Amino acid sequence: MSEPPAGQLRLATPATLNFSVELVKEVSTKFRSTLFSTGGDEVNLPCYMDDPQTQADLSRSGQTIDEALNTFILAEHAVIRDQGKTPVVKEGR
């Protein structure tokens, strides 16, 4: 069942994006591997569609959920690449 937030990050919320980028930046430095996974297979679209805050954030930004997800992933991947690592995403949709 998709109950907001059901463990989903509110990826359309700017504060969530900022926090997640800083978290990935910090955690990815703790591993010697040249690969770092950001997940991606646990996206629950119905959760986002039913969450009023996510819908308000999407409306404010003029983005679709797919565009917000892309922005979120690209921002995380940029900090991983800045460290000379390769970002990995598992797609499960």
C-alpha atoms as a PDB file:
ATOM      1  CA  MET A   1       0.000   0.000   0.000  1.00  0.00           C
ATOM      2  CA  SER A   2       1.258   3.473  -0.831  1.00  0.00           C
ATOM      3  CA  GLU A   3       0.847   5.597   2.244  1.00  0.00           C
ATOM      4  CA  PRO A   4       2.703   8.920   2.025  1.00  0.00           C
ATOM      5  CA  PRO A   5       5.460   9.239   2.766  1.00  0.00           C
ATOM      6  CA  ALA A   6       5.901   5.424   3.041  1.00  0.00           C
ATOM      7  CA  GLY A   7       9.640   5.778   3.432  1.00  0.00           C
ATOM      8  CA  GLN A   8      10.014   7.815   0.253  1.00  0.00           C
ATOM      9  CA  LEU A   9      12.154  10.929   0.245  1.00  0.00           C
ATOM     10  CA  ARG A  10      10.261  14.042  -0.758  1.00  0.00           C
ATOM     11  CA  LEU A  11      12.628  14.544  -3.674  1.00  0.00           C
ATOM     12  CA  ALA A  12      10.778  17.593  -5.006  1.00  0.00           C
ATOM     13  CA  THR A  13      11.447  19.459  -1.745  1.00  0.00           C
ATOM     14  CA  PRO A  14      14.585  21.649  -2.033  1.00  0.00           C
ATOM     15  CA  ALA A  15      15.661  20.950   1.565  1.00  0.00           C
ATOM     16  CA  THR A  16      15.505  17.200   0.890  1.00  0.00           C
ATOM     17  CA  LEU A  17      17.637  17.579  -2.216  1.00  0.00           C
ATOM     18  CA  ASN A  18      20.234  19.643  -0.327  1.00  0.00           C
ATOM     19  CA  PHE A  19      20.332  17.185   2.577  1.00  0.00           C
ATOM     20  CA  SER A  20      20.610  14.156   0.283  1.00  0.00           C
ATOM     21  CA  VAL A  21      23.413  15.661  -1.791  1.00  0.00           C
ATOM     22  CA  GLU A  22      25.405  16.475   1.361  1.00  0.00           C
ATOM     23  CA  LEU A  23      24.740  13.001   2.771  1.00  0.00           C
ATOM     24  CA  VAL A  24      25.881  11.245  -0.419  1.00  0.00           C
ATOM     25  CA  LYS A  25      28.914  13.529  -0.597  1.00  0.00           C
ATOM     26  CA  GLU A  26      29.944  12.631   2.944  1.00  0.00           C
ATOM     27  CA  VAL A  27      29.132   8.906   2.874  1.00  0.00           C
ATOM     28  CA  SER A  28      30.655   8.203  -0.538  1.00  0.00           C
ATOM     29  CA  THR A  29      34.051   9.402   0.706  1.00  0.00           C
ATOM     30  CA  LYS A  30      34.056   6.604   3.300  1.00  0.00           C
ATOM     31  CA  PHE A  31      34.481   3.844   0.687  1.00  0.00           C
ATOM     32  CA  ARG A  32      37.513   3.108  -1.468  1.00  0.00           C
ATOM     33  CA  SER A  33      35.448   1.671  -4.315  1.00  0.00           C
ATOM     34  CA  THR A  34      35.307   3.638  -7.554  1.00  0.00           C
ATOM     35  CA  LEU A  35      31.574   2.803  -7.749  1.00  0.00           C
ATOM     36  CA  PHE A  36      28.823   4.257  -5.560  1.00  0.00           C
ATOM     37  CA  SER A  37      25.155   3.260  -5.814  1.00  0.00           C
ATOM     38  CA  THR A  38      22.332   5.728  -5.320  1.00  0.00           C
ATOM     39  CA  GLY A  39      19.589   3.090  -5.487  1.00  0.00           C
ATOM     40  CA  GLY A  40      16.747   3.986  -7.825  1.00  0.00           C
ATOM     41  CA  ASP A  41      14.738   0.770  -7.757  1.00  0.00           C
ATOM     42  CA  GLU A  42      12.583   1.706  -4.793  1.00  0.00           C
ATOM     43  CA  VAL A  43      10.709   4.647  -6.314  1.00  0.00           C
ATOM     44  CA  ASN A  44       7.014   4.424  -5.423  1.00  0.00           C
ATOM     45  CA  LEU A  45       5.191   6.751  -7.835  1.00  0.00           C
ATOM     46  CA  PRO A  46       1.712   6.342  -6.272  1.00  0.00           C
ATOM     47  CA  CYS A  47       3.176   7.547  -2.984  1.00  0.00           C
ATOM     48  CA  TYR A  48       4.335  10.774  -4.636  1.00  0.00           C
ATOM     49  CA  MET A  49       1.071  11.266  -6.471  1.00  0.00           C
ATOM     50  CA  ASP A  50      -0.891  10.935  -3.197  1.00  0.00           C
ATOM     51  CA  ASP A  51       1.353  13.194  -1.107  1.00  0.00           C
ATOM     52  CA  PRO A  52       0.047  16.786  -0.852  1.00  0.00           C
ATOM     53  CA  GLN A  53       3.465  18.270   0.003  1.00  0.00           C
ATOM     54  CA  THR A  54       5.131  16.615  -2.982  1.00  0.00           C
ATOM     55  CA  GLN A  55       2.345  17.794  -5.261  1.00  0.00           C
ATOM     56  CA  ALA A  56       2.684  21.349  -3.905  1.00  0.00           C
ATOM     57  CA  ASP A  57       6.468  21.277  -4.396  1.00  0.00           C
ATOM     58  CA  LEU A  58       6.059  19.990  -7.947  1.00  0.00           C
ATOM     59  CA  SER A  59       3.522  22.705  -8.705  1.00  0.00           C
ATOM     60  CA  ARG A  60       5.815  25.403  -7.275  1.00  0.00           C
ATOM     61  CA  SER A  61       8.790  24.184  -9.306  1.00  0.00           C
ATOM     62  CA  GLY A  62       6.805  23.535 -12.488  1.00  0.00           C
ATOM     63  CA  GLN A  63       8.255  20.016 -12.664  1.00  0.00           C
ATOM     64  CA  THR A  64       6.720  16.613 -13.178  1.00  0.00           C
ATOM     65  CA  ILE A  65       7.667  13.831 -10.777  1.00  0.00           C
ATOM     66  CA  ASP A  66       9.932  12.362 -13.474  1.00  0.00           C
ATOM     67  CA  GLU A  67      11.698  15.707 -13.919  1.00  0.00           C
ATOM     68  CA  ALA A  68      12.126  16.107 -10.150  1.00  0.00           C
ATOM     69  CA  LEU A  69      13.511  12.574  -9.900  1.00  0.00           C
ATOM     70  CA  ASN A  70      15.946  13.312 -12.720  1.00  0.00           C
ATOM     71  CA  THR A  71      17.087  16.548 -11.039  1.00  0.00           C
ATOM     72  CA  PHE A  72      17.544  14.673  -7.752  1.00  0.00           C
ATOM     73  CA  ILE A  73      19.580  11.854  -9.305  1.00  0.00           C
ATOM     74  CA  LEU A  74      21.746  14.176 -11.408  1.00  0.00           C
ATOM     75  CA  ALA A  75      22.590  16.288  -8.342  1.00  0.00           C
ATOM     76  CA  GLU A  76      23.639  13.215  -6.362  1.00  0.00           C
ATOM     77  CA  HIS A  77      25.648  11.879  -9.283  1.00  0.00           C
ATOM     78  CA  ALA A  78      27.476  15.176  -9.733  1.00  0.00           C
ATOM     79  CA  VAL A  79      28.980  14.971  -6.232  1.00  0.00           C
ATOM     80  CA  ILE A  80      29.937  11.327  -6.786  1.00  0.00           C
ATOM     81  CA  ARG A  81      31.662  12.183 -10.067  1.00  0.00           C
ATOM     82  CA  ASP A  82      33.436  15.107  -8.387  1.00  0.00           C
ATOM     83  CA  GLN A  83      35.132  12.496  -6.195  1.00  0.00           C
ATOM     84  CA  GLY A  84      36.333  10.532  -9.230  1.00  0.00           C
ATOM     85  CA  LYS A  85      33.780   7.784  -8.650  1.00  0.00           C
ATOM     86  CA  THR A  86      31.183   6.279 -10.976  1.00  0.00           C
ATOM     87  CA  PRO A  87      27.547   6.541  -9.862  1.00  0.00           C
ATOM     88  CA  VAL A  88      25.449   3.397 -10.188  1.00  0.00           C
ATOM     89  CA  VAL A  89      21.640   3.265 -10.387  1.00  0.00           C
ATOM     90  CA  LYS A  90      19.470   0.197 -10.292  1.00  0.00           C
ATOM     91  CA  GLU A  91      16.314   0.722 -12.305  1.00  0.00           C
ATOM     92  CA  GLY A  92      13.297  -1.201 -11.184  1.00  0.00           C
ATOM     93  CA  ARG A  93      10.295   0.648 -12.560  1.00  0.00           C
END
